[in-house]
Structure formats: structure tokens, C-alpha cells
Protein backbone atom coordinates (compact mmCIF):
# COMPACT_ATOMS: atom_id res chain seq x y z
CA UNK A 1 -66.61 13.44 67.56
CA UNK A 2 -65.55 12.71 71.01
CA UNK A 3 -62.48 11.66 72.19
CA UNK A 4 -62.92 7.58 72.48
CA UNK A 5 -61.73 6.41 76.12
CA UNK A 6 -60.53 3.20 77.55
CA UNK A 7 -60.93 2.34 80.87
CA UNK A 8 -59.05 -1.00 82.37
CA UNK A 9 -58.88 -2.80 85.52
CA UNK A 10 -55.54 -4.47 86.50
CA UNK A 11 -56.26 -7.20 88.93
CA UNK A 12 -52.85 -9.62 89.02
CA UNK A 13 -49.66 -9.02 89.69
CA UNK A 14 -47.26 -11.59 87.93
CA UNK A 15 -45.04 -11.45 85.03
CA UNK A 16 -47.31 -12.72 82.58
CA UNK A 17 -50.48 -11.21 83.65
CA UNK A 18 -48.29 -7.60 83.56
CA UNK A 19 -48.27 -7.26 80.28
CA UNK A 20 -51.34 -7.23 78.63
CA UNK A 21 -52.79 -3.65 80.80
CA UNK A 22 -49.42 -1.91 79.89
CA UNK A 23 -49.46 -3.29 76.14
CA UNK A 24 -53.30 -2.48 75.57
CA UNK A 25 -53.07 0.69 77.38
CA UNK A 26 -50.06 2.15 75.50
CA UNK A 27 -51.52 1.39 72.36
CA UNK A 28 -54.68 2.50 72.77
CA UNK A 29 -52.95 5.74 73.80
CA UNK A 30 -51.25 5.87 70.37
CA UNK A 31 -54.46 5.40 68.59
CA UNK A 32 -55.92 8.38 70.36
CA UNK A 33 -57.54 6.98 73.20
CA UNK A 34 -57.70 8.86 76.46
CA UNK A 35 -56.74 5.31 78.98
CA UNK A 36 -56.66 4.71 82.63
CA UNK A 37 -56.10 1.87 84.29
CA UNK A 38 -57.22 0.78 87.78
CA UNK A 39 -54.85 -1.31 89.42
CA UNK A 40 -56.09 -3.25 92.49
CA UNK A 41 -55.57 -6.19 94.52
CA UNK A 42 -52.42 -8.29 93.03
CA UNK A 43 -52.67 -6.21 90.24
CA UNK A 44 -50.47 -3.16 92.92
CA UNK A 45 -47.66 -5.28 92.21
CA UNK A 46 -47.39 -3.82 88.61
CA UNK A 47 -46.72 0.29 90.26
CA UNK A 48 -43.79 -1.06 92.52
CA UNK A 49 -41.01 0.80 92.43
CA UNK A 50 -38.93 -2.34 92.87
CA UNK A 51 -41.08 -4.49 89.92
CA UNK A 52 -40.26 -7.94 91.63
CA UNK A 53 -42.93 -10.20 89.40
CA UNK A 54 -42.95 -14.35 88.88
CA UNK A 55 -45.04 -16.08 86.41
CA UNK A 56 -46.71 -18.43 88.47
CA UNK A 57 -47.51 -21.27 86.32
CA UNK A 58 -49.74 -22.65 89.03
CA UNK A 59 -53.46 -22.42 88.04
CA UNK A 60 -52.27 -21.52 84.98
CA UNK A 61 -52.74 -24.56 82.63
CA UNK A 62 -53.17 -23.10 79.77
CA UNK A 63 -49.45 -21.71 79.45
CA UNK A 64 -47.25 -23.03 77.23
CA UNK A 65 -44.68 -24.71 78.61
CA UNK A 66 -40.85 -25.02 77.59
CA UNK A 67 -39.29 -28.27 75.87
CA UNK A 68 -43.16 -29.98 76.26
CA UNK A 69 -42.84 -30.30 79.83
CA UNK A 70 -46.90 -30.00 80.21
CA UNK A 71 -46.97 -33.69 78.05
CA UNK A 72 -44.66 -35.28 80.41
CA UNK A 73 -43.87 -32.75 83.37
CA UNK A 74 -47.21 -33.17 85.98
CA UNK A 75 -49.01 -29.52 86.70
CA UNK A 76 -48.33 -30.42 90.41
CA UNK A 77 -44.97 -30.37 90.05
CA UNK A 78 -44.62 -26.29 89.45
CA UNK A 79 -44.98 -25.94 92.80
CA UNK A 80 -41.72 -27.96 93.90
CA UNK A 81 -39.15 -25.33 94.80
CA UNK A 82 -37.32 -23.22 92.24
CA UNK A 83 -39.80 -23.81 89.25
CA UNK A 84 -41.48 -20.42 89.89
CA UNK A 85 -37.94 -18.70 89.47
CA UNK A 86 -36.60 -21.23 86.56
CA UNK A 87 -40.25 -20.28 84.68
CA UNK A 88 -39.78 -16.51 85.07
CA UNK A 89 -36.31 -16.41 83.88
CA UNK A 90 -37.74 -18.70 80.89
CA UNK A 91 -40.39 -16.42 80.26
CA UNK A 92 -38.01 -13.10 80.47
CA UNK A 93 -35.16 -14.66 78.03
CA UNK A 94 -38.03 -15.63 75.28
CA UNK A 95 -39.39 -12.16 75.25
CA UNK A 96 -36.20 -10.32 75.50
CA UNK A 97 -35.53 -13.37 72.22
CA UNK A 98 -38.71 -12.28 71.07
CA UNK A 99 -37.73 -8.71 71.20
CA UNK A 100 -40.57 -7.78 73.51
CA UNK A 101 -40.51 -4.62 75.57
CA UNK A 102 -39.88 -5.02 79.53
CA UNK A 103 -42.46 -4.61 81.85
CA UNK A 104 -40.38 -1.40 83.20
CA UNK A 105 -40.40 -0.06 79.45
CA UNK A 106 -43.86 -0.79 78.92
CA UNK A 107 -45.08 0.93 81.99
CA UNK A 108 -42.72 4.06 80.64
CA UNK A 109 -44.33 3.89 77.62
CA UNK A 110 -47.87 4.14 79.24
CA UNK A 111 -46.05 7.15 81.70
CA UNK A 112 -44.88 9.20 78.42
CA UNK A 113 -48.60 8.34 76.42
CA UNK A 114 -50.40 9.62 79.72
CA UNK A 115 -52.18 7.08 80.44
CA UNK A 116 -53.83 7.97 83.89
CA UNK A 117 -52.84 5.42 86.13
CA UNK A 118 -55.32 5.29 89.20
CA UNK A 119 -53.74 2.58 92.93
CA UNK A 120 -56.48 1.62 94.28
CA UNK A 121 -56.50 3.05 98.20
CA UNK A 122 -58.42 0.74 99.60
CA UNK A 123 -55.87 -2.00 98.22
CA UNK A 124 -53.45 -0.15 99.39
CA UNK A 125 -54.55 0.22 103.05
CA UNK A 126 -55.74 -3.19 103.34
CA UNK A 127 -52.52 -4.49 102.64
CA UNK A 128 -50.26 -2.06 104.75
CA UNK A 129 -48.48 -0.69 101.79
CA UNK A 130 -46.51 2.14 101.48
CA UNK A 131 -47.22 4.82 99.31
CA UNK A 132 -43.60 5.67 98.89
CA UNK A 133 -43.26 1.98 97.25
CA UNK A 134 -45.11 3.09 94.56
CA UNK A 135 -43.59 4.86 91.30
CA UNK A 136 -43.74 8.57 90.35
CA UNK A 137 -47.05 10.02 88.86
CA UNK A 138 -49.86 7.69 90.01
CA UNK A 139 -52.39 8.80 91.55
CA UNK A 140 -54.77 7.07 94.57
CA UNK A 141 -58.11 6.83 94.30
CA UNK A 142 -60.73 4.28 94.87
CA UNK A 143 -63.73 2.51 93.21
CA UNK A 144 -65.74 5.57 92.56
CA UNK A 145 -62.42 7.67 90.86
CA UNK A 146 -62.71 4.65 88.63
CA UNK A 147 -66.26 4.69 87.64
CA UNK A 148 -66.16 8.08 87.18
CA UNK A 149 -63.95 7.06 83.93
CA UNK A 150 -65.12 4.04 83.30
CA UNK A 151 -68.59 5.17 82.97
CA UNK A 152 -68.18 7.43 80.42
CA UNK A 153 -65.49 5.29 78.36
CA UNK A 154 -66.01 3.33 74.88
CA UNK A 155 -64.46 0.04 76.25
CA UNK A 156 -63.96 -1.56 79.78
CA UNK A 157 -61.33 -4.45 80.21
CA UNK A 158 -60.95 -6.48 83.45
CA UNK A 159 -58.09 -8.11 83.41
């Protein structure tokens, strides 16, 4: 029986959207899957040495709001100055209280589990990003690099 493979495309760079690719990749690697995550567009924020990602409740009407705010606080109110910072702090505190690992910890777990992490070279060039801003141990490649792996994967996820 050949090795199972999981391919993930990570396109979002917010705190809440950073968890799925790292949780799924680390779990798959622990289960013996050969795993690759292709980070493109805003997902590249998850590979920065200084992981400064926030929660953005805008455009995310399914997000459960603290203190029942989703019942009495208008969604547009989440655009007020300071709301993003407050929501980020609240999310981090809730995750810590529930024993959920931080994004940094999950990312390190992926590295330890030899998850292949590929930064989209086109996006790095498009947004004039500095490769030295990214963590060590990642690769830079294009869509063809991803398809080499994804074309043989058992599971392919777009996050």
C-alpha cells in the first residue's frame, strides 16, 4: 500500500483562518500522511517570522460573537476602530482558556512533523514581500510545484 497524501491550499491570513491548515496538516502528518501546504495570497501571512494575524469579523456572519453580540450588535459595528483588536484579543484568550495551541505552536508542530510548506513565489513577487521575512525551512514555488504533489494526493483541500 502506498503512502497517503494530503495537499492543502491556504489562502487566508487571519487568526481564525490560520488554524485549519495547521491543524489538518499536523494531524495528517501524525497519521502518517505525506502532507504539503501551499500558501498563496493572504495565506502567506501565516509563514511570516513575526506572526501578527488578527480576527476579522467583517464578512464572517457565522462567527459567534461574545456576550450575545450577534443578537444586539450590528455587523457594521464590527468595522469600528479597535473592534478588530478587541475581537483578536478575545479569540486568543478563549483559545488559551480552552487549551488550544497557538498558531506558532501548531506551525512548529507542522515543521517537526516534516509537513512540506511552500510559499507561492508569484504572490511573494506580486506583493513585493521579502523572503527573509518568512520562517526558515519553507520552500518557494509556483502552482506547478503544488500540482506535482497535489496531482498524486488522496485528499486536496482549499482553505
